[in-house]
Amino acid sequence: MSDNHTESVQFNLDTGKLGMWIFLLTELFLFGGLFLVYAVFRAKYSPEFHSAALELNTFIGTMNTVFLLVSSMTAAMSLTAIRKNQQKLALFLIISTIFLAALFMVNKYFEWSHKFEFRIFPGSEVLKNIPRGELLFFGLYYMMTGLHALHVLVGMVLLSIVAFKIYRELINGNNYLLLENSTLYWHLVDLIWIFLFPLLYLVT
């Protein structure tokens, strides 16, 4: 009976991990398709893409990169801590991850607000009167960063649930699959931004 229970638990763990990896693979296909579209249009409208990229705030983009890189580190450290049954440290690190994600979203809000002040947003009169290449750049910019921001928000919700479960000791050294999968998801969010940052903000 005990062996059957152990095998059942292990099967559920393996299934949970496999399910997360399959989900992450579909997300990579989604953003991979967008990156491919970006590459095609960038090759065709290289000067216009460069000109449009100058409208983006490289400093904010750099700060957001730092926030996500550090948050990915704190998420990984939280998983290590929970494996050692260090509940309080794991909780602190997950809350730190959520805080850094919030800073990313605040930065993104100010960046988008600045663009909206100058009427640089989809459907605006300003974008209707600019060269086609620049129009395509801003269209891809809003689509990719908007989709990424949505993933950040989903990650924040997921990590908040994890934090609550760690606090209630429902996640511990013997049961941390949700934390492990959440960390994997957060690493994906970070990885996608690592590609987005140079593609959008450092166009040459």
N, C-alpha and C. Protein backbone atom coordinates (compact mmCIF):
# COMPACT_ATOMS: atom_id res chain seq x y z
N MET A 1 0.84 -1.21 0.00
CA MET A 1 0.00 0.00 0.00
C MET A 1 0.87 1.26 0.00
N SER A 2 1.91 1.21 0.83
CA SER A 2 2.82 2.35 0.92
C SER A 2 3.57 2.54 -0.39
N ASP A 3 4.00 1.42 -1.00
CA ASP A 3 4.71 1.51 -2.28
C ASP A 3 3.80 2.07 -3.37
N ASN A 4 2.54 1.66 -3.37
CA ASN A 4 1.58 2.17 -4.36
C ASN A 4 1.36 3.66 -4.19
N HIS A 5 1.28 4.09 -2.93
CA HIS A 5 1.09 5.52 -2.66
C HIS A 5 2.28 6.33 -3.14
N THR A 6 3.49 5.78 -2.87
CA THR A 6 4.71 6.47 -3.29
C THR A 6 4.78 6.58 -4.81
N GLU A 7 4.43 5.48 -5.48
CA GLU A 7 4.43 5.49 -6.93
C GLU A 7 3.41 6.47 -7.49
N SER A 8 2.26 6.57 -6.82
CA SER A 8 1.21 7.50 -7.26
C SER A 8 1.66 8.94 -7.12
N VAL A 9 2.31 9.25 -5.99
CA VAL A 9 2.81 10.61 -5.76
C VAL A 9 3.86 10.96 -6.80
N GLN A 10 4.78 10.00 -7.07
CA GLN A 10 5.83 10.24 -8.05
C GLN A 10 5.26 10.44 -9.44
N PHE A 11 4.22 9.67 -9.77
CA PHE A 11 3.56 9.81 -11.07
C PHE A 11 2.93 11.20 -11.21
N ASN A 12 2.28 11.67 -10.15
CA ASN A 12 1.66 13.00 -10.18
C ASN A 12 2.71 14.10 -10.34
N LEU A 13 3.86 13.91 -9.67
CA LEU A 13 4.93 14.89 -9.78
C LEU A 13 5.48 14.93 -11.20
N ASP A 14 5.74 13.75 -11.76
CA ASP A 14 6.27 13.68 -13.12
C ASP A 14 5.28 14.25 -14.13
N THR A 15 4.00 13.95 -13.93
CA THR A 15 2.97 14.47 -14.83
C THR A 15 2.88 15.99 -14.75
N GLY A 16 2.95 16.50 -13.51
CA GLY A 16 2.89 17.95 -13.31
C GLY A 16 4.06 18.66 -13.98
N LYS A 17 5.25 18.09 -13.86
CA LYS A 17 6.43 18.69 -14.47
C LYS A 17 6.33 18.62 -16.00
N LEU A 18 5.89 17.47 -16.51
CA LEU A 18 5.75 17.31 -17.95
C LEU A 18 4.74 18.29 -18.52
N GLY A 19 3.62 18.45 -17.81
CA GLY A 19 2.59 19.39 -18.25
C GLY A 19 3.12 20.81 -18.33
N MET A 20 3.92 21.21 -17.35
CA MET A 20 4.49 22.55 -17.36
C MET A 20 5.46 22.73 -18.52
N TRP A 21 6.29 21.73 -18.78
CA TRP A 21 7.24 21.83 -19.88
C TRP A 21 6.54 21.92 -21.22
N ILE A 22 5.45 21.18 -21.37
CA ILE A 22 4.67 21.27 -22.62
C ILE A 22 4.07 22.66 -22.77
N PHE A 23 3.55 23.22 -21.68
CA PHE A 23 2.99 24.57 -21.71
C PHE A 23 4.07 25.59 -22.08
N LEU A 24 5.24 25.46 -21.48
CA LEU A 24 6.33 26.39 -21.77
C LEU A 24 6.75 26.29 -23.24
N LEU A 25 6.71 25.09 -23.77
CA LEU A 25 7.07 24.90 -25.18
C LEU A 25 6.09 25.62 -26.10
N THR A 26 4.79 25.56 -25.78
CA THR A 26 3.80 26.27 -26.59
C THR A 26 4.02 27.77 -26.50
N GLU A 27 4.42 28.27 -25.33
CA GLU A 27 4.70 29.70 -25.19
C GLU A 27 5.91 30.10 -26.03
N LEU A 28 6.90 29.24 -26.08
CA LEU A 28 8.07 29.53 -26.90
C LEU A 28 7.71 29.57 -28.38
N PHE A 29 6.82 28.70 -28.80
CA PHE A 29 6.35 28.72 -30.18
C PHE A 29 5.61 30.02 -30.48
N LEU A 30 4.80 30.48 -29.51
CA LEU A 30 4.04 31.72 -29.69
C LEU A 30 4.98 32.91 -29.90
N PHE A 31 5.91 33.09 -28.98
CA PHE A 31 6.82 34.22 -29.10
C PHE A 31 7.82 34.00 -30.23
N GLY A 32 8.17 32.74 -30.49
CA GLY A 32 9.06 32.45 -31.60
C GLY A 32 8.46 32.91 -32.92
N GLY A 33 7.15 32.72 -33.07
CA GLY A 33 6.47 33.19 -34.28
C GLY A 33 6.53 34.70 -34.41
N LEU A 34 6.35 35.39 -33.29
CA LEU A 34 6.42 36.86 -33.30
C LEU A 34 7.83 37.34 -33.61
N PHE A 35 8.83 36.64 -33.06
CA PHE A 35 10.22 37.00 -33.35
C PHE A 35 10.53 36.80 -34.83
N LEU A 36 9.96 35.77 -35.42
CA LEU A 36 10.18 35.50 -36.84
C LEU A 36 9.57 36.61 -37.70
N VAL A 37 8.34 37.02 -37.35
CA VAL A 37 7.69 38.13 -38.06
C VAL A 37 8.53 39.40 -37.93
N TYR A 38 9.01 39.64 -36.71
CA TYR A 38 9.86 40.82 -36.47
C TYR A 38 11.10 40.77 -37.36
N ALA A 39 11.76 39.60 -37.44
CA ALA A 39 12.98 39.47 -38.21
C ALA A 39 12.74 39.75 -39.70
N VAL A 40 11.62 39.28 -40.21
CA VAL A 40 11.29 39.49 -41.62
C VAL A 40 11.10 40.98 -41.92
N PHE A 41 10.30 41.64 -41.08
CA PHE A 41 10.03 43.07 -41.32
C PHE A 41 11.26 43.93 -41.04
N ARG A 42 12.06 43.53 -40.06
CA ARG A 42 13.26 44.30 -39.77
C ARG A 42 14.23 44.25 -40.94
N ALA A 43 14.34 43.07 -41.56
CA ALA A 43 15.22 42.94 -42.72
C ALA A 43 14.73 43.81 -43.88
N LYS A 44 13.42 43.94 -43.99
CA LYS A 44 12.83 44.69 -45.11
C LYS A 44 12.83 46.19 -44.85
N TYR A 45 12.65 46.58 -43.59
CA TYR A 45 12.56 48.01 -43.25
C TYR A 45 13.59 48.39 -42.20
N SER A 46 14.82 48.00 -42.40
CA SER A 46 15.87 48.21 -41.40
C SER A 46 16.05 49.68 -40.98
N PRO A 47 16.15 50.64 -41.92
CA PRO A 47 16.32 52.05 -41.51
C PRO A 47 15.13 52.57 -40.69
N GLU A 48 13.91 52.21 -41.11
CA GLU A 48 12.72 52.67 -40.40
C GLU A 48 12.65 52.07 -39.00
N PHE A 49 13.04 50.79 -38.85
CA PHE A 49 13.05 50.16 -37.54
C PHE A 49 14.05 50.86 -36.61
N HIS A 50 15.19 51.20 -37.16
CA HIS A 50 16.20 51.90 -36.36
C HIS A 50 15.68 53.26 -35.91
N SER A 51 15.06 53.98 -36.84
CA SER A 51 14.53 55.30 -36.52
C SER A 51 13.44 55.23 -35.45
N ALA A 52 12.54 54.25 -35.56
CA ALA A 52 11.46 54.10 -34.60
C ALA A 52 11.99 53.70 -33.23
N ALA A 53 13.02 52.87 -33.20
CA ALA A 53 13.58 52.40 -31.93
C ALA A 53 14.16 53.54 -31.11
N LEU A 54 14.56 54.62 -31.78
CA LEU A 54 15.10 55.78 -31.07
C LEU A 54 14.06 56.45 -30.18
N GLU A 55 12.78 56.17 -30.45
CA GLU A 55 11.70 56.74 -29.63
C GLU A 55 11.54 56.00 -28.30
N LEU A 56 12.14 54.83 -28.18
CA LEU A 56 12.03 54.05 -26.95
C LEU A 56 13.07 54.51 -25.93
N ASN A 57 12.75 54.33 -24.66
CA ASN A 57 13.63 54.73 -23.58
C ASN A 57 14.53 53.55 -23.19
N THR A 58 15.78 53.63 -23.63
CA THR A 58 16.71 52.53 -23.38
C THR A 58 16.99 52.37 -21.89
N PHE A 59 17.01 53.48 -21.15
CA PHE A 59 17.28 53.39 -19.70
C PHE A 59 16.20 52.58 -18.99
N ILE A 60 14.94 52.87 -19.32
CA ILE A 60 13.84 52.11 -18.71
C ILE A 60 13.92 50.64 -19.11
N GLY A 61 14.23 50.39 -20.37
CA GLY A 61 14.37 49.02 -20.83
C GLY A 61 15.49 48.29 -20.09
N THR A 62 16.58 48.99 -19.85
CA THR A 62 17.71 48.41 -19.12
C THR A 62 17.33 48.11 -17.67
N MET A 63 16.65 49.06 -17.03
CA MET A 63 16.22 48.84 -15.65
C MET A 63 15.26 47.66 -15.55
N ASN A 64 14.36 47.54 -16.50
CA ASN A 64 13.43 46.41 -16.49
C ASN A 64 14.17 45.09 -16.69
N THR A 65 15.23 45.12 -17.49
CA THR A 65 16.04 43.92 -17.67
C THR A 65 16.69 43.51 -16.35
N VAL A 66 17.22 44.49 -15.63
CA VAL A 66 17.84 44.22 -14.33
C VAL A 66 16.80 43.66 -13.35
N PHE A 67 15.62 44.28 -13.32
CA PHE A 67 14.57 43.81 -12.41
C PHE A 67 14.23 42.35 -12.67
N LEU A 68 14.07 41.98 -13.93
CA LEU A 68 13.67 40.61 -14.24
C LEU A 68 14.81 39.62 -14.00
N LEU A 69 16.04 40.02 -14.29
CA LEU A 69 17.16 39.12 -14.04
C LEU A 69 17.30 38.83 -12.55
N VAL A 70 17.19 39.87 -11.73
CA VAL A 70 17.30 39.68 -10.27
C VAL A 70 16.11 38.87 -9.76
N SER A 71 14.92 39.14 -10.30
CA SER A 71 13.73 38.41 -9.86
C SER A 71 13.83 36.93 -10.21
N SER A 72 14.43 36.62 -11.34
CA SER A 72 14.64 35.22 -11.72
C SER A 72 15.59 34.55 -10.73
N MET A 73 16.58 35.30 -10.28
CA MET A 73 17.52 34.78 -9.30
C MET A 73 16.84 34.51 -7.96
N THR A 74 16.02 35.47 -7.50
CA THR A 74 15.35 35.29 -6.20
C THR A 74 14.34 34.14 -6.26
N ALA A 75 13.71 33.95 -7.42
CA ALA A 75 12.78 32.83 -7.57
C ALA A 75 13.53 31.51 -7.46
N ALA A 76 14.68 31.41 -8.12
CA ALA A 76 15.49 30.19 -8.06
C ALA A 76 15.99 29.95 -6.63
N MET A 77 16.40 31.02 -5.96
CA MET A 77 16.88 30.89 -4.58
C MET A 77 15.76 30.45 -3.64
N SER A 78 14.54 30.88 -3.93
CA SER A 78 13.40 30.46 -3.12
C SER A 78 13.17 28.96 -3.22
N LEU A 79 13.32 28.42 -4.43
CA LEU A 79 13.16 26.98 -4.62
C LEU A 79 14.24 26.22 -3.86
N THR A 80 15.46 26.73 -3.89
CA THR A 80 16.55 26.10 -3.12
C THR A 80 16.26 26.14 -1.63
N ALA A 81 15.74 27.28 -1.17
CA ALA A 81 15.44 27.43 0.25
C ALA A 81 14.35 26.47 0.71
N ILE A 82 13.31 26.31 -0.10
CA ILE A 82 12.20 25.43 0.30
C ILE A 82 12.66 23.99 0.33
N ARG A 83 13.57 23.63 -0.56
CA ARG A 83 14.10 22.26 -0.54
C ARG A 83 14.87 21.98 0.75
N LYS A 84 15.39 23.04 1.35
CA LYS A 84 16.11 22.91 2.62
C LYS A 84 15.19 23.17 3.81
N ASN A 85 13.88 23.26 3.53
CA ASN A 85 12.87 23.52 4.56
C ASN A 85 13.07 24.87 5.27
N GLN A 86 13.60 25.84 4.54
CA GLN A 86 13.76 27.18 5.09
C GLN A 86 12.56 28.02 4.65
N GLN A 87 11.44 27.82 5.34
CA GLN A 87 10.16 28.41 4.94
C GLN A 87 10.21 29.94 4.89
N LYS A 88 10.73 30.55 5.94
CA LYS A 88 10.73 32.01 6.02
C LYS A 88 11.60 32.63 4.93
N LEU A 89 12.75 32.03 4.68
CA LEU A 89 13.63 32.55 3.63
C LEU A 89 12.97 32.39 2.26
N ALA A 90 12.34 31.23 2.03
CA ALA A 90 11.66 31.00 0.75
C ALA A 90 10.54 32.01 0.54
N LEU A 91 9.79 32.29 1.60
CA LEU A 91 8.70 33.27 1.51
C LEU A 91 9.24 34.66 1.21
N PHE A 92 10.31 35.04 1.90
CA PHE A 92 10.92 36.36 1.67
C PHE A 92 11.39 36.50 0.23
N LEU A 93 12.00 35.45 -0.31
CA LEU A 93 12.53 35.50 -1.67
C LEU A 93 11.41 35.56 -2.71
N ILE A 94 10.32 34.85 -2.47
CA ILE A 94 9.19 34.91 -3.40
C ILE A 94 8.53 36.28 -3.37
N ILE A 95 8.38 36.84 -2.18
CA ILE A 95 7.82 38.19 -2.07
C ILE A 95 8.74 39.20 -2.77
N SER A 96 10.05 39.00 -2.66
CA SER A 96 11.01 39.87 -3.36
C SER A 96 10.82 39.76 -4.87
N THR A 97 10.57 38.54 -5.34
CA THR A 97 10.33 38.32 -6.77
C THR A 97 9.09 39.08 -7.23
N ILE A 98 8.04 38.99 -6.44
CA ILE A 98 6.79 39.70 -6.78
C ILE A 98 7.01 41.21 -6.78
N PHE A 99 7.78 41.70 -5.81
CA PHE A 99 8.07 43.13 -5.71
C PHE A 99 8.83 43.62 -6.95
N LEU A 100 9.83 42.85 -7.38
CA LEU A 100 10.60 43.22 -8.56
C LEU A 100 9.74 43.18 -9.82
N ALA A 101 8.82 42.22 -9.87
CA ALA A 101 7.88 42.16 -11.00
C ALA A 101 6.98 43.39 -11.01
N ALA A 102 6.58 43.84 -9.83
CA ALA A 102 5.75 45.04 -9.73
C ALA A 102 6.52 46.26 -10.21
N LEU A 103 7.81 46.34 -9.87
CA LEU A 103 8.63 47.45 -10.35
C LEU A 103 8.72 47.44 -11.88
N PHE A 104 8.82 46.26 -12.44
CA PHE A 104 8.83 46.13 -13.90
C PHE A 104 7.55 46.70 -14.49
N MET A 105 6.40 46.35 -13.90
CA MET A 105 5.12 46.81 -14.42
C MET A 105 4.94 48.32 -14.25
N VAL A 106 5.44 48.85 -13.15
CA VAL A 106 5.37 50.30 -12.93
C VAL A 106 6.19 51.02 -14.00
N ASN A 107 7.39 50.52 -14.26
CA ASN A 107 8.22 51.09 -15.32
C ASN A 107 7.53 51.02 -16.67
N LYS A 108 6.91 49.88 -16.94
CA LYS A 108 6.20 49.71 -18.21
C LYS A 108 5.02 50.68 -18.32
N TYR A 109 4.35 50.91 -17.20
CA TYR A 109 3.23 51.86 -17.19
C TYR A 109 3.71 53.27 -17.57
N PHE A 110 4.81 53.71 -16.96
CA PHE A 110 5.33 55.05 -17.25
C PHE A 110 5.85 55.14 -18.69
N GLU A 111 6.44 54.06 -19.16
CA GLU A 111 6.95 54.06 -20.54
C GLU A 111 5.80 54.17 -21.54
N TRP A 112 4.77 53.37 -21.33
CA TRP A 112 3.62 53.44 -22.23
C TRP A 112 2.90 54.78 -22.10
N SER A 113 2.79 55.31 -20.89
CA SER A 113 2.12 56.60 -20.68
C SER A 113 2.82 57.70 -21.45
N HIS A 114 4.15 57.64 -21.45
CA HIS A 114 4.93 58.64 -22.18
C HIS A 114 4.63 58.56 -23.67
N LYS A 115 4.52 57.33 -24.19
CA LYS A 115 4.18 57.15 -25.61
C LYS A 115 2.78 57.67 -25.91
N PHE A 116 1.85 57.44 -24.99
CA PHE A 116 0.48 57.89 -25.20
C PHE A 116 0.37 59.40 -25.18
N GLU A 117 1.22 60.06 -24.38
CA GLU A 117 1.21 61.53 -24.33
C GLU A 117 1.57 62.11 -25.69
N PHE A 118 2.46 61.45 -26.40
CA PHE A 118 2.87 61.90 -27.74
C PHE A 118 2.04 61.23 -28.83
N ARG A 119 0.95 60.58 -28.42
CA ARG A 119 0.00 59.95 -29.32
C ARG A 119 0.67 58.90 -30.21
N ILE A 120 1.62 58.18 -29.59
CA ILE A 120 2.26 57.06 -30.29
C ILE A 120 1.64 55.77 -29.76
N PHE A 121 0.51 55.42 -30.31
CA PHE A 121 -0.17 54.19 -29.93
C PHE A 121 -0.99 53.70 -31.13
N PRO A 122 -1.32 52.41 -31.16
CA PRO A 122 -2.05 51.86 -32.32
C PRO A 122 -3.33 52.62 -32.62
N GLY A 123 -3.51 53.01 -33.87
CA GLY A 123 -4.72 53.70 -34.29
C GLY A 123 -4.65 55.20 -34.20
N SER A 124 -3.56 55.75 -33.63
CA SER A 124 -3.46 57.20 -33.49
C SER A 124 -3.15 57.86 -34.83
N GLU A 125 -3.47 59.14 -34.93
CA GLU A 125 -3.20 59.89 -36.15
C GLU A 125 -1.71 60.00 -36.43
N VAL A 126 -0.92 60.05 -35.36
CA VAL A 126 0.53 60.17 -35.53
C VAL A 126 1.08 58.95 -36.26
N LEU A 127 0.67 57.77 -35.83
CA LEU A 127 1.18 56.55 -36.45
C LEU A 127 0.66 56.37 -37.88
N LYS A 128 -0.51 56.93 -38.16
CA LYS A 128 -1.06 56.80 -39.51
C LYS A 128 -0.26 57.58 -40.53
N ASN A 129 0.51 58.56 -40.06
CA ASN A 129 1.23 59.45 -40.98
C ASN A 129 2.74 59.21 -40.98
N ILE A 130 3.18 58.08 -40.43
CA ILE A 130 4.61 57.79 -40.42
C ILE A 130 4.90 56.71 -41.47
N PRO A 131 6.18 56.52 -41.84
CA PRO A 131 6.52 55.49 -42.84
C PRO A 131 6.05 54.11 -42.40
N ARG A 132 5.79 53.25 -43.38
CA ARG A 132 5.24 51.92 -43.10
C ARG A 132 6.14 51.11 -42.17
N GLY A 133 7.44 51.21 -42.36
CA GLY A 133 8.37 50.44 -41.52
C GLY A 133 8.26 50.83 -40.06
N GLU A 134 8.15 52.13 -39.77
CA GLU A 134 8.01 52.59 -38.39
C GLU A 134 6.66 52.14 -37.81
N LEU A 135 5.63 52.18 -38.65
CA LEU A 135 4.31 51.73 -38.20
C LEU A 135 4.35 50.26 -37.80
N LEU A 136 5.03 49.45 -38.61
CA LEU A 136 5.15 48.02 -38.30
C LEU A 136 5.96 47.81 -37.03
N PHE A 137 7.00 48.62 -36.83
CA PHE A 137 7.82 48.49 -35.61
C PHE A 137 6.98 48.73 -34.37
N PHE A 138 6.22 49.84 -34.36
CA PHE A 138 5.43 50.15 -33.17
C PHE A 138 4.30 49.14 -32.97
N GLY A 139 3.76 48.63 -34.07
CA GLY A 139 2.74 47.59 -33.95
C GLY A 139 3.29 46.35 -33.26
N LEU A 140 4.49 45.93 -33.68
CA LEU A 140 5.13 44.78 -33.06
C LEU A 140 5.57 45.08 -31.63
N TYR A 141 6.01 46.32 -31.41
CA TYR A 141 6.42 46.73 -30.06
C TYR A 141 5.27 46.58 -29.07
N TYR A 142 4.13 47.13 -29.42
CA TYR A 142 2.98 47.05 -28.51
C TYR A 142 2.46 45.61 -28.38
N MET A 143 2.49 44.89 -29.47
CA MET A 143 2.00 43.51 -29.41
C MET A 143 2.89 42.64 -28.53
N MET A 144 4.19 42.71 -28.74
CA MET A 144 5.11 41.83 -28.02
C MET A 144 5.29 42.25 -26.57
N THR A 145 5.45 43.55 -26.32
CA THR A 145 5.61 43.98 -24.93
C THR A 145 4.30 43.87 -24.16
N GLY A 146 3.18 44.07 -24.85
CA GLY A 146 1.88 43.92 -24.20
C GLY A 146 1.62 42.47 -23.81
N LEU A 147 1.94 41.55 -24.73
CA LEU A 147 1.76 40.13 -24.45
C LEU A 147 2.70 39.69 -23.33
N HIS A 148 3.91 40.22 -23.36
CA HIS A 148 4.87 39.89 -22.29
C HIS A 148 4.39 40.44 -20.95
N ALA A 149 3.87 41.67 -20.94
CA ALA A 149 3.36 42.26 -19.70
C ALA A 149 2.22 41.42 -19.13
N LEU A 150 1.38 40.88 -20.02
CA LEU A 150 0.30 40.00 -19.57
C LEU A 150 0.88 38.76 -18.89
N HIS A 151 1.94 38.22 -19.43
CA HIS A 151 2.59 37.06 -18.82
C HIS A 151 3.19 37.43 -17.45
N VAL A 152 3.71 38.65 -17.35
CA VAL A 152 4.24 39.11 -16.06
C VAL A 152 3.12 39.16 -15.02
N LEU A 153 1.97 39.70 -15.41
CA LEU A 153 0.83 39.78 -14.49
C LEU A 153 0.37 38.39 -14.06
N VAL A 154 0.30 37.46 -15.01
CA VAL A 154 -0.09 36.08 -14.68
C VAL A 154 0.93 35.49 -13.70
N GLY A 155 2.21 35.76 -13.97
CA GLY A 155 3.26 35.27 -13.08
C GLY A 155 3.14 35.84 -11.68
N MET A 156 2.79 37.12 -11.56
CA MET A 156 2.62 37.74 -10.25
C MET A 156 1.48 37.10 -9.47
N VAL A 157 0.39 36.81 -10.16
CA VAL A 157 -0.74 36.13 -9.51
C VAL A 157 -0.32 34.74 -9.05
N LEU A 158 0.36 34.02 -9.92
CA LEU A 158 0.81 32.67 -9.60
C LEU A 158 1.78 32.68 -8.42
N LEU A 159 2.71 33.60 -8.42
CA LEU A 159 3.69 33.69 -7.34
C LEU A 159 3.03 34.14 -6.03
N SER A 160 1.98 34.94 -6.12
CA SER A 160 1.24 35.36 -4.92
C SER A 160 0.55 34.15 -4.29
N ILE A 161 0.00 33.27 -5.13
CA ILE A 161 -0.62 32.04 -4.62
C ILE A 161 0.44 31.18 -3.95
N VAL A 162 1.62 31.10 -4.58
CA VAL A 162 2.72 30.33 -4.02
C VAL A 162 3.14 30.90 -2.66
N ALA A 163 3.24 32.22 -2.59
CA ALA A 163 3.63 32.86 -1.33
C ALA A 163 2.63 32.54 -0.21
N PHE A 164 1.36 32.59 -0.55
CA PHE A 164 0.32 32.26 0.44
C PHE A 164 0.45 30.82 0.90
N LYS A 165 0.71 29.91 -0.03
CA LYS A 165 0.83 28.50 0.33
C LYS A 165 2.10 28.23 1.14
N ILE A 166 3.18 28.97 0.85
CA ILE A 166 4.39 28.83 1.67
C ILE A 166 4.12 29.33 3.08
N TYR A 167 3.42 30.45 3.18
CA TYR A 167 3.07 31.02 4.49
C TYR A 167 2.24 30.04 5.30
N ARG A 168 1.31 29.36 4.64
CA ARG A 168 0.46 28.39 5.33
C ARG A 168 1.12 27.02 5.44
N GLU A 169 2.37 26.94 4.99
CA GLU A 169 3.16 25.70 5.03
C GLU A 169 2.53 24.58 4.21
N LEU A 170 1.74 24.95 3.21
CA LEU A 170 1.19 23.97 2.27
C LEU A 170 2.23 23.60 1.23
N ILE A 171 3.23 24.49 1.06
CA ILE A 171 4.40 24.20 0.25
C ILE A 171 5.57 24.07 1.20
N ASN A 172 6.25 22.94 1.14
CA ASN A 172 7.37 22.69 2.04
C ASN A 172 8.41 21.84 1.34
N GLY A 173 9.38 21.36 2.12
CA GLY A 173 10.47 20.58 1.54
C GLY A 173 10.05 19.27 0.91
N ASN A 174 8.86 18.79 1.26
CA ASN A 174 8.36 17.53 0.71
C ASN A 174 7.30 17.74 -0.37
N ASN A 175 6.85 18.97 -0.53
CA ASN A 175 5.77 19.27 -1.49
C ASN A 175 5.98 20.66 -2.06
N TYR A 176 6.72 20.73 -3.16
CA TYR A 176 7.05 22.05 -3.72
C TYR A 176 6.89 22.10 -5.24
N LEU A 177 6.06 21.20 -5.78
CA LEU A 177 5.87 21.17 -7.24
C LEU A 177 5.33 22.50 -7.77
N LEU A 178 4.38 23.10 -7.06
CA LEU A 178 3.80 24.37 -7.52
C LEU A 178 4.86 25.46 -7.57
N LEU A 179 5.70 25.49 -6.57
CA LEU A 179 6.79 26.48 -6.56
C LEU A 179 7.77 26.21 -7.69
N GLU A 180 8.09 24.95 -7.92
CA GLU A 180 9.03 24.60 -8.98
C GLU A 180 8.48 24.98 -10.35
N ASN A 181 7.22 24.67 -10.59
CA ASN A 181 6.60 25.02 -11.87
C ASN A 181 6.47 26.53 -12.04
N SER A 182 6.14 27.22 -10.94
CA SER A 182 6.03 28.68 -11.00
C SER A 182 7.37 29.32 -11.30
N THR A 183 8.42 28.76 -10.74
CA THR A 183 9.77 29.25 -11.00
C THR A 183 10.15 29.04 -12.46
N LEU A 184 9.80 27.87 -13.00
CA LEU A 184 10.06 27.60 -14.42
C LEU A 184 9.33 28.62 -15.30
N TYR A 185 8.08 28.88 -14.97
CA TYR A 185 7.30 29.86 -15.73
C TYR A 185 7.96 31.24 -15.66
N TRP A 186 8.42 31.61 -14.47
CA TRP A 186 9.03 32.92 -14.31
C TRP A 186 10.34 33.03 -15.07
N HIS A 187 11.09 31.94 -15.14
CA HIS A 187 12.31 31.93 -15.94
C HIS A 187 11.98 32.15 -17.42
N LEU A 188 10.85 31.59 -17.87
CA LEU A 188 10.43 31.81 -19.26
C LEU A 188 10.12 33.28 -19.50
N VAL A 189 9.41 33.90 -18.56
CA VAL A 189 9.09 35.33 -18.68
C VAL A 189 10.38 36.14 -18.79
N ASP A 190 11.36 35.79 -17.98
CA ASP A 190 12.65 36.47 -18.00
C ASP A 190 13.36 36.23 -19.33
N LEU A 191 13.35 34.99 -19.80
CA LEU A 191 14.02 34.65 -21.05
C LEU A 191 13.44 35.41 -22.24
N ILE A 192 12.12 35.50 -22.28
CA ILE A 192 11.47 36.22 -23.38
C ILE A 192 11.90 37.69 -23.40
N TRP A 193 11.98 38.30 -22.22
CA TRP A 193 12.40 39.70 -22.15
C TRP A 193 13.86 39.86 -22.59
N ILE A 194 14.70 38.88 -22.29
CA ILE A 194 16.11 38.94 -22.69
C ILE A 194 16.21 39.04 -24.21
N PHE A 195 15.25 38.46 -24.94
CA PHE A 195 15.22 38.59 -26.39
C PHE A 195 14.55 39.89 -26.82
N LEU A 196 13.49 40.28 -26.12
CA LEU A 196 12.76 41.48 -26.50
C LEU A 196 13.60 42.75 -26.33
N PHE A 197 14.35 42.82 -25.27
CA PHE A 197 15.10 44.05 -24.97
C PHE A 197 16.04 44.45 -26.10
N PRO A 198 16.96 43.57 -26.54
CA PRO A 198 17.84 44.00 -27.64
C PRO A 198 17.11 44.16 -28.98
N LEU A 199 16.10 43.35 -29.22
CA LEU A 199 15.38 43.44 -30.49
C LEU A 199 14.66 44.77 -30.65
N LEU A 200 14.09 45.28 -29.54
CA LEU A 200 13.29 46.50 -29.61
C LEU A 200 14.06 47.75 -29.23
N TYR A 201 14.90 47.66 -28.21
CA TYR A 201 15.53 48.87 -27.67
C TYR A 201 16.93 49.12 -28.23
N LEU A 202 17.56 48.09 -28.79
CA LEU A 202 18.94 48.24 -29.25
C LEU A 202 19.06 48.01 -30.75
N VAL A 203 18.03 48.38 -31.49
CA VAL A 203 18.03 48.19 -32.94
C VAL A 203 19.10 49.05 -33.57
N THR A 204 19.95 48.44 -34.38
CA THR A 204 21.02 49.19 -35.04
C THR A 204 20.89 49.09 -36.56
